[in-house]
Amino acid sequence: MPPSSNGQVTGSVVNSAGAPVAQARVNISQALPASTARPSAPPVITGAQVASTVTNSQGQFAAFLPPGNYVACAASSTQGNLDPCHWATSAPTFTVSKSQVVSGVKVAMAAGAVLTIQINDPNQLLAPVSGPTSPDCRVQVVTGKGRRYEAAIANSTSTGRNHVITVPFGSTYTIQVISPSLAINDSSGKPATSAGASLTTPANGNPPVVSFAVSGAKP
């Protein structure tokens, strides 16, 4: 049972069309005081995370919280939805008081471009994976502000991996493939540089697949 002094928040996560987003991870963090100096969004700068919950089949969520001011973020395993805390200029805020129920908090996830990065592995040098990331080869997308986001492994076979990430339409990003032990080539067959590859997403729609290849082990 939560402490009797706690309040509760209930709300929903919706996509750009207003439809519920099921199985979205709702992360609730402390809101920073208005007087706190912070860079302009995005991303939305928050305090410590206090609670995390998952929406039901109707996109609804609930969480018990101690009294305080909070920001709600949402991440979806369904590609095409953007977490407002990472990519928007603002995210929903709310205040919980002792034993109070705050209802109707809505986290809206804008639509974005689904970026697929293919890592070909003709010599089968990549290690088997069981999760969304692997230390032997990571893919990151870097924004113009220098913010880094991990592109998760969507699927893996004996011939390579596909990483995916959703980013806003009509913006330019740098794709970096990071491996401590493997040599990586870009789509032209040249060694991938530490500076990464630049990509601009279309104003509407998904960009072409970006390909890299494992060429061997690093000396």
C-alpha atoms as a PDB file:
ATOM      1  CA  MET A   1       0.000   0.000   0.000  1.00  0.00           C
ATOM      2  CA  PRO A   2       1.304   3.498  -0.786  1.00  0.00           C
ATOM      3  CA  PRO A   3       1.830   5.919   2.146  1.00  0.00           C
ATOM      4  CA  SER A   4      -1.403   7.655   3.210  1.00  0.00           C
ATOM      5  CA  SER A   5       0.172  11.053   2.467  1.00  0.00           C
ATOM      6  CA  ASN A   6       0.631  10.153  -1.193  1.00  0.00           C
ATOM      7  CA  GLY A   7      -1.600  11.457  -3.928  1.00  0.00           C
ATOM      8  CA  GLN A   8      -2.433   9.808  -7.222  1.00  0.00           C
ATOM      9  CA  VAL A   9      -2.246  10.837 -10.856  1.00  0.00           C
ATOM     10  CA  THR A  10      -4.315   9.303 -13.632  1.00  0.00           C
ATOM     11  CA  GLY A  11      -4.153  10.095 -17.303  1.00  0.00           C
ATOM     12  CA  SER A  12      -3.646   8.841 -20.821  1.00  0.00           C
ATOM     13  CA  VAL A  13      -1.109   8.679 -23.641  1.00  0.00           C
ATOM     14  CA  VAL A  14      -2.298   9.485 -27.159  1.00  0.00           C
ATOM     15  CA  ASN A  15      -0.663   9.697 -30.570  1.00  0.00           C
ATOM     16  CA  SER A  16      -0.830  12.554 -33.093  1.00  0.00           C
ATOM     17  CA  ALA A  17      -4.273  11.401 -34.248  1.00  0.00           C
ATOM     18  CA  GLY A  18      -5.609  11.362 -30.684  1.00  0.00           C
ATOM     19  CA  ALA A  19      -5.743   7.553 -30.538  1.00  0.00           C
ATOM     20  CA  PRO A  20      -4.636   5.792 -27.333  1.00  0.00           C
ATOM     21  CA  VAL A  21      -1.117   4.385 -27.176  1.00  0.00           C
ATOM     22  CA  ALA A  22      -1.148   1.034 -25.389  1.00  0.00           C
ATOM     23  CA  GLN A  23       1.893  -0.313 -23.537  1.00  0.00           C
ATOM     24  CA  ALA A  24       3.626   3.071 -23.487  1.00  0.00           C
ATOM     25  CA  ARG A  25       6.133   3.581 -20.709  1.00  0.00           C
ATOM     26  CA  VAL A  26       5.152   6.692 -18.709  1.00  0.00           C
ATOM     27  CA  ASN A  27       8.086   8.166 -16.786  1.00  0.00           C
ATOM     28  CA  ILE A  28       7.202  10.735 -14.136  1.00  0.00           C
ATOM     29  CA  SER A  29       9.967  13.060 -12.933  1.00  0.00           C
ATOM     30  CA  GLN A  30      10.220  15.988 -10.593  1.00  0.00           C
ATOM     31  CA  ALA A  31       9.599  19.359 -12.260  1.00  0.00           C
ATOM     32  CA  LEU A  32      12.433  21.828 -11.830  1.00  0.00           C
ATOM     33  CA  PRO A  33      11.623  25.217 -10.268  1.00  0.00           C
ATOM     34  CA  ALA A  34      10.798  27.935 -12.788  1.00  0.00           C
ATOM     35  CA  SER A  35      13.825  29.906 -11.564  1.00  0.00           C
ATOM     36  CA  THR A  36      16.236  27.079 -12.467  1.00  0.00           C
ATOM     37  CA  ALA A  37      18.509  27.995 -15.369  1.00  0.00           C
ATOM     38  CA  ARG A  38      18.177  25.473 -18.184  1.00  0.00           C
ATOM     39  CA  PRO A  39      18.818  25.279 -21.931  1.00  0.00           C
ATOM     40  CA  SER A  40      15.902  25.803 -24.274  1.00  0.00           C
ATOM     41  CA  ALA A  41      13.895  22.710 -25.184  1.00  0.00           C
ATOM     42  CA  PRO A  42      14.051  20.225 -26.671  1.00  0.00           C
ATOM     43  CA  PRO A  43      14.878  18.227 -24.692  1.00  0.00           C
ATOM     44  CA  VAL A  44      12.708  19.132 -21.711  1.00  0.00           C
ATOM     45  CA  ILE A  45      15.020  19.184 -18.705  1.00  0.00           C
ATOM     46  CA  THR A  46      13.522  17.413 -15.682  1.00  0.00           C
ATOM     47  CA  GLY A  47      14.553  16.512 -12.172  1.00  0.00           C
ATOM     48  CA  ALA A  48      14.898  13.044 -10.680  1.00  0.00           C
ATOM     49  CA  GLN A  49      12.555  10.320 -11.910  1.00  0.00           C
ATOM     50  CA  VAL A  50      10.002   9.416  -9.237  1.00  0.00           C
ATOM     51  CA  ALA A  51       7.761   6.799 -10.845  1.00  0.00           C
ATOM     52  CA  SER A  52       7.378   4.701 -13.975  1.00  0.00           C
ATOM     53  CA  THR A  53       4.304   2.857 -15.190  1.00  0.00           C
ATOM     54  CA  VAL A  54       2.849   1.346 -18.372  1.00  0.00           C
ATOM     55  CA  THR A  55      -0.404   2.267 -20.087  1.00  0.00           C
ATOM     56  CA  ASN A  56      -3.161  -0.309 -20.461  1.00  0.00           C
ATOM     57  CA  SER A  57      -4.884  -1.320 -23.702  1.00  0.00           C
ATOM     58  CA  GLN A  58      -6.865   1.979 -23.630  1.00  0.00           C
ATOM     59  CA  GLY A  59      -3.711   4.077 -23.207  1.00  0.00           C
ATOM     60  CA  GLN A  60      -4.546   4.912 -19.597  1.00  0.00           C
ATOM     61  CA  PHE A  61      -2.111   5.067 -16.683  1.00  0.00           C
ATOM     62  CA  ALA A  62      -2.106   5.682 -12.933  1.00  0.00           C
ATOM     63  CA  ALA A  63       0.615   6.219 -10.340  1.00  0.00           C
ATOM     64  CA  PHE A  64       0.851   7.062  -6.646  1.00  0.00           C
ATOM     65  CA  LEU A  65       3.166   9.993  -5.878  1.00  0.00           C
ATOM     66  CA  PRO A  66       4.278  11.999  -2.856  1.00  0.00           C
ATOM     67  CA  PRO A  67       3.179  15.645  -2.863  1.00  0.00           C
ATOM     68  CA  GLY A  68       5.123  17.694  -5.389  1.00  0.00           C
ATOM     69  CA  ASN A  69       5.375  19.121  -8.889  1.00  0.00           C
ATOM     70  CA  TYR A  70       5.919  16.689 -11.744  1.00  0.00           C
ATOM     71  CA  VAL A  71       6.539  16.257 -15.485  1.00  0.00           C
ATOM     72  CA  ALA A  72       5.131  13.292 -17.430  1.00  0.00           C
ATOM     73  CA  CYS A  73       7.051  11.749 -20.336  1.00  0.00           C
ATOM     74  CA  ALA A  74       6.170   8.744 -22.489  1.00  0.00           C
ATOM     75  CA  ALA A  75       8.155   6.260 -24.570  1.00  0.00           C
ATOM     76  CA  SER A  76       6.480   3.789 -26.899  1.00  0.00           C
ATOM     77  CA  SER A  77       7.832   0.522 -28.292  1.00  0.00           C
ATOM     78  CA  THR A  78       5.722   1.301 -31.379  1.00  0.00           C
ATOM     79  CA  GLN A  79       7.915   3.246 -33.782  1.00  0.00           C
ATOM     80  CA  GLY A  80       6.565   6.514 -35.169  1.00  0.00           C
ATOM     81  CA  ASN A  81       5.712   8.128 -31.798  1.00  0.00           C
ATOM     82  CA  LEU A  82       7.948  10.790 -30.211  1.00  0.00           C
ATOM     83  CA  ASP A  83       8.541  11.197 -26.471  1.00  0.00           C
ATOM     84  CA  PRO A  84       7.677  14.876 -25.772  1.00  0.00           C
ATOM     85  CA  CYS A  85      10.424  15.133 -23.153  1.00  0.00           C
ATOM     86  CA  HIS A  86      13.066  14.274 -25.758  1.00  0.00           C
ATOM     87  CA  TRP A  87      11.730  15.958 -28.868  1.00  0.00           C
ATOM     88  CA  ALA A  88       9.080  18.581 -27.987  1.00  0.00           C
ATOM     89  CA  THR A  89       9.400  22.082 -26.528  1.00  0.00           C
ATOM     90  CA  SER A  90       7.232  21.154 -23.534  1.00  0.00           C
ATOM     91  CA  ALA A  91       5.705  18.207 -21.707  1.00  0.00           C
ATOM     92  CA  PRO A  92       2.651  18.020 -19.412  1.00  0.00           C
ATOM     93  CA  THR A  93       3.182  19.170 -15.839  1.00  0.00           C
ATOM     94  CA  PHE A  94       0.964  18.688 -12.813  1.00  0.00           C
ATOM     95  CA  THR A  95       0.950  19.127  -9.048  1.00  0.00           C
ATOM     96  CA  VAL A  96       0.024  16.430  -6.537  1.00  0.00           C
ATOM     97  CA  SER A  97      -1.125  17.326  -3.021  1.00  0.00           C
ATOM     98  CA  LYS A  98      -1.515  15.070   0.009  1.00  0.00           C
ATOM     99  CA  SER A  99      -4.174  12.376  -0.564  1.00  0.00           C
ATOM    100  CA  GLN A 100      -5.335  14.132  -3.762  1.00  0.00           C
ATOM    101  CA  VAL A 101      -6.231  12.476  -7.067  1.00  0.00           C
ATOM    102  CA  VAL A 102      -5.126  14.437 -10.134  1.00  0.00           C
ATOM    103  CA  SER A 103      -6.957  13.189 -13.220  1.00  0.00           C
ATOM    104  CA  GLY A 104      -6.958  13.935 -16.918  1.00  0.00           C
ATOM    105  CA  VAL A 105      -3.191  14.305 -17.465  1.00  0.00           C
ATOM    106  CA  LYS A 106      -2.669  13.745 -21.194  1.00  0.00           C
ATOM    107  CA  VAL A 107       0.713  12.937 -22.720  1.00  0.00           C
ATOM    108  CA  ALA A 108       0.590  13.607 -26.477  1.00  0.00           C
ATOM    109  CA  MET A 109       3.159  11.864 -28.658  1.00  0.00           C
ATOM    110  CA  ALA A 110       3.756  13.612 -31.979  1.00  0.00           C
ATOM    111  CA  ALA A 111       4.355  11.589 -35.135  1.00  0.00           C
ATOM    112  CA  GLY A 112       7.931  11.231 -36.316  1.00  0.00           C
ATOM    113  CA  ALA A 113      10.104   9.634 -38.980  1.00  0.00           C
ATOM    114  CA  VAL A 114      11.208   6.050 -38.384  1.00  0.00           C
ATOM    115  CA  LEU A 115      14.919   5.797 -39.082  1.00  0.00           C
ATOM    116  CA  THR A 116      16.344   2.325 -39.762  1.00  0.00           C
ATOM    117  CA  ILE A 117      20.103   1.723 -39.571  1.00  0.00           C
ATOM    118  CA  GLN A 118      21.242  -1.600 -40.993  1.00  0.00           C
ATOM    119  CA  ILE A 119      24.493  -3.173 -39.778  1.00  0.00           C
ATOM    120  CA  ASN A 120      25.491  -5.887 -42.248  1.00  0.00           C
ATOM    121  CA  ASP A 121      27.708  -8.652 -40.881  1.00  0.00           C
ATOM    122  CA  PRO A 122      28.854 -10.916 -43.740  1.00  0.00           C
ATOM    123  CA  ASN A 123      31.521 -12.636 -41.615  1.00  0.00           C
ATOM    124  CA  GLN A 124      29.238 -13.120 -38.591  1.00  0.00           C
ATOM    125  CA  LEU A 125      31.444 -11.181 -36.172  1.00  0.00           C
ATOM    126  CA  LEU A 126      28.620  -9.591 -34.186  1.00  0.00           C
ATOM    127  CA  ALA A 127      27.820 -11.306 -30.902  1.00  0.00           C
ATOM    128  CA  PRO A 128      24.335 -12.799 -30.355  1.00  0.00           C
ATOM    129  CA  VAL A 129      21.997 -10.330 -28.637  1.00  0.00           C
ATOM    130  CA  SER A 130      19.004 -10.680 -26.345  1.00  0.00           C
ATOM    131  CA  GLY A 131      18.184  -7.043 -25.625  1.00  0.00           C
ATOM    132  CA  PRO A 132      17.790  -3.650 -27.314  1.00  0.00           C
ATOM    133  CA  THR A 133      21.507  -2.793 -27.163  1.00  0.00           C
ATOM    134  CA  SER A 134      24.854  -4.568 -27.373  1.00  0.00           C
ATOM    135  CA  PRO A 135      28.275  -3.210 -26.344  1.00  0.00           C
ATOM    136  CA  ASP A 136      30.043  -4.711 -29.381  1.00  0.00           C
ATOM    137  CA  CYS A 137      28.245  -2.350 -31.774  1.00  0.00           C
ATOM    138  CA  ARG A 138      26.056   0.593 -30.807  1.00  0.00           C
ATOM    139  CA  VAL A 139      24.213   3.047 -33.024  1.00  0.00           C
ATOM    140  CA  GLN A 140      23.517   6.588 -31.837  1.00  0.00           C
ATOM    141  CA  VAL A 141      21.709   9.529 -33.379  1.00  0.00           C
ATOM    142  CA  VAL A 142      23.142  12.931 -32.468  1.00  0.00           C
ATOM    143  CA  THR A 143      20.997  16.061 -32.725  1.00  0.00           C
ATOM    144  CA  GLY A 144      22.152  19.536 -33.729  1.00  0.00           C
ATOM    145  CA  LYS A 145      22.367  20.402 -30.023  1.00  0.00           C
ATOM    146  CA  GLY A 146      24.676  17.448 -29.395  1.00  0.00           C
ATOM    147  CA  ARG A 147      22.035  15.353 -27.662  1.00  0.00           C
ATOM    148  CA  ARG A 148      22.610  11.608 -28.161  1.00  0.00           C
ATOM    149  CA  TYR A 149      19.897   8.987 -28.487  1.00  0.00           C
ATOM    150  CA  GLU A 150      20.423   5.246 -28.767  1.00  0.00           C
ATOM    151  CA  ALA A 151      18.900   3.447 -31.754  1.00  0.00           C
ATOM    152  CA  ALA A 152      17.609   0.164 -30.364  1.00  0.00           C
ATOM    153  CA  ILE A 153      18.106  -3.217 -31.998  1.00  0.00           C
ATOM    154  CA  ALA A 154      14.834  -4.112 -33.700  1.00  0.00           C
ATOM    155  CA  ASN A 155      15.944  -7.501 -34.989  1.00  0.00           C
ATOM    156  CA  SER A 156      19.105  -9.541 -35.380  1.00  0.00           C
ATOM    157  CA  THR A 157      20.037 -12.392 -37.722  1.00  0.00           C
ATOM    158  CA  SER A 158      23.223 -14.236 -38.663  1.00  0.00           C
ATOM    159  CA  THR A 159      23.861 -11.651 -41.376  1.00  0.00           C
ATOM    160  CA  GLY A 160      23.394  -8.473 -39.365  1.00  0.00           C
ATOM    161  CA  ARG A 161      21.177  -6.245 -37.242  1.00  0.00           C
ATOM    162  CA  ASN A 162      18.587  -3.560 -37.818  1.00  0.00           C
ATOM    163  CA  HIS A 163      18.519  -0.629 -35.396  1.00  0.00           C
ATOM    164  CA  VAL A 164      15.535   1.732 -35.291  1.00  0.00           C
ATOM    165  CA  ILE A 165      14.731   5.085 -33.747  1.00  0.00           C
ATOM    166  CA  THR A 166      11.972   7.661 -34.242  1.00  0.00           C
ATOM    167  CA  VAL A 167      13.088  11.254 -34.836  1.00  0.00           C
ATOM    168  CA  PRO A 168      11.231  14.437 -35.862  1.00  0.00           C
ATOM    169  CA  PHE A 169      10.465  15.077 -39.525  1.00  0.00           C
ATOM    170  CA  GLY A 170      12.509  17.570 -41.523  1.00  0.00           C
ATOM    171  CA  SER A 171      15.608  17.769 -39.336  1.00  0.00           C
ATOM    172  CA  THR A 172      19.281  16.890 -39.747  1.00  0.00           C
ATOM    173  CA  TYR A 173      21.040  14.335 -37.563  1.00  0.00           C
ATOM    174  CA  THR A 174      24.389  12.593 -37.323  1.00  0.00           C
ATOM    175  CA  ILE A 175      24.471   8.789 -37.202  1.00  0.00           C
ATOM    176  CA  GLN A 176      27.407   7.299 -35.306  1.00  0.00           C
ATOM    177  CA  VAL A 177      28.246   3.589 -35.203  1.00  0.00           C
ATOM    178  CA  ILE A 178      30.402   2.829 -32.180  1.00  0.00           C
ATOM    179  CA  SER A 179      32.338  -0.402 -31.715  1.00  0.00           C
ATOM    180  CA  PRO A 180      35.365  -1.006 -29.460  1.00  0.00           C
ATOM    181  CA  SER A 181      36.468  -4.154 -31.295  1.00  0.00           C
ATOM    182  CA  LEU A 182      35.013  -4.159 -34.821  1.00  0.00           C
ATOM    183  CA  ALA A 183      35.911  -2.161 -37.941  1.00  0.00           C
ATOM    184  CA  ILE A 184      32.832  -0.601 -39.559  1.00  0.00           C
ATOM    185  CA  ASN A 185      32.471   0.594 -43.149  1.00  0.00           C
ATOM    186  CA  ASP A 186      29.885   3.027 -44.469  1.00  0.00           C
ATOM    187  CA  SER A 187      27.638   2.391 -47.484  1.00  0.00           C
ATOM    188  CA  SER A 188      30.439   3.376 -49.893  1.00  0.00           C
ATOM    189  CA  GLY A 189      32.782   0.752 -48.440  1.00  0.00           C
ATOM    190  CA  LYS A 190      35.014   3.303 -46.724  1.00  0.00           C
ATOM    191  CA  PRO A 191      35.770   3.151 -42.978  1.00  0.00           C
ATOM    192  CA  ALA A 192      33.089   4.917 -40.970  1.00  0.00           C
ATOM    193  CA  THR A 193      34.544   8.023 -39.322  1.00  0.00           C
ATOM    194  CA  SER A 194      34.125   9.108 -35.731  1.00  0.00           C
ATOM    195  CA  ALA A 195      32.326  12.210 -37.034  1.00  0.00           C
ATOM    196  CA  GLY A 196      29.486   9.998 -38.259  1.00  0.00           C
ATOM    197  CA  ALA A 197      27.185  10.230 -41.253  1.00  0.00           C
ATOM    198  CA  SER A 198      24.788  13.121 -41.747  1.00  0.00           C
ATOM    199  CA  LEU A 199      21.121  12.505 -42.552  1.00  0.00           C
ATOM    200  CA  THR A 200      18.168  14.839 -43.100  1.00  0.00           C
ATOM    201  CA  THR A 201      14.721  13.312 -42.643  1.00  0.00           C
ATOM    202  CA  PRO A 202      11.895  14.133 -45.084  1.00  0.00           C
ATOM    203  CA  ALA A 203       9.229  16.646 -44.093  1.00  0.00           C
ATOM    204  CA  ASN A 204       6.747  13.790 -44.127  1.00  0.00           C
ATOM    205  CA  GLY A 205       7.569  10.104 -44.321  1.00  0.00           C
ATOM    206  CA  ASN A 206      10.443   7.803 -43.446  1.00  0.00           C
ATOM    207  CA  PRO A 207      13.961   8.179 -44.864  1.00  0.00           C
ATOM    208  CA  PRO A 208      15.705   5.371 -46.773  1.00  0.00           C
ATOM    209  CA  VAL A 209      17.516   2.712 -44.768  1.00  0.00           C
ATOM    210  CA  VAL A 210      21.061   3.739 -43.826  1.00  0.00           C
ATOM    211  CA  SER A 211      23.544   0.878 -44.219  1.00  0.00           C
ATOM    212  CA  PHE A 212      26.881   0.074 -42.601  1.00  0.00           C
ATOM    213  CA  ALA A 213      28.905  -3.138 -42.640  1.00  0.00           C
ATOM    214  CA  VAL A 214      31.263  -4.933 -40.287  1.00  0.00           C
ATOM    215  CA  SER A 215      34.483  -5.343 -42.294  1.00  0.00           C
ATOM    216  CA  GLY A 216      36.538  -7.195 -39.677  1.00  0.00           C
ATOM    217  CA  ALA A 217      38.082  -7.013 -36.229  1.00  0.00           C
ATOM    218  CA  LYS A 218      40.061  -3.961 -35.191  1.00  0.00           C
ATOM    219  CA  PRO A 219      43.826  -4.590 -34.998  1.00  0.00           C
END
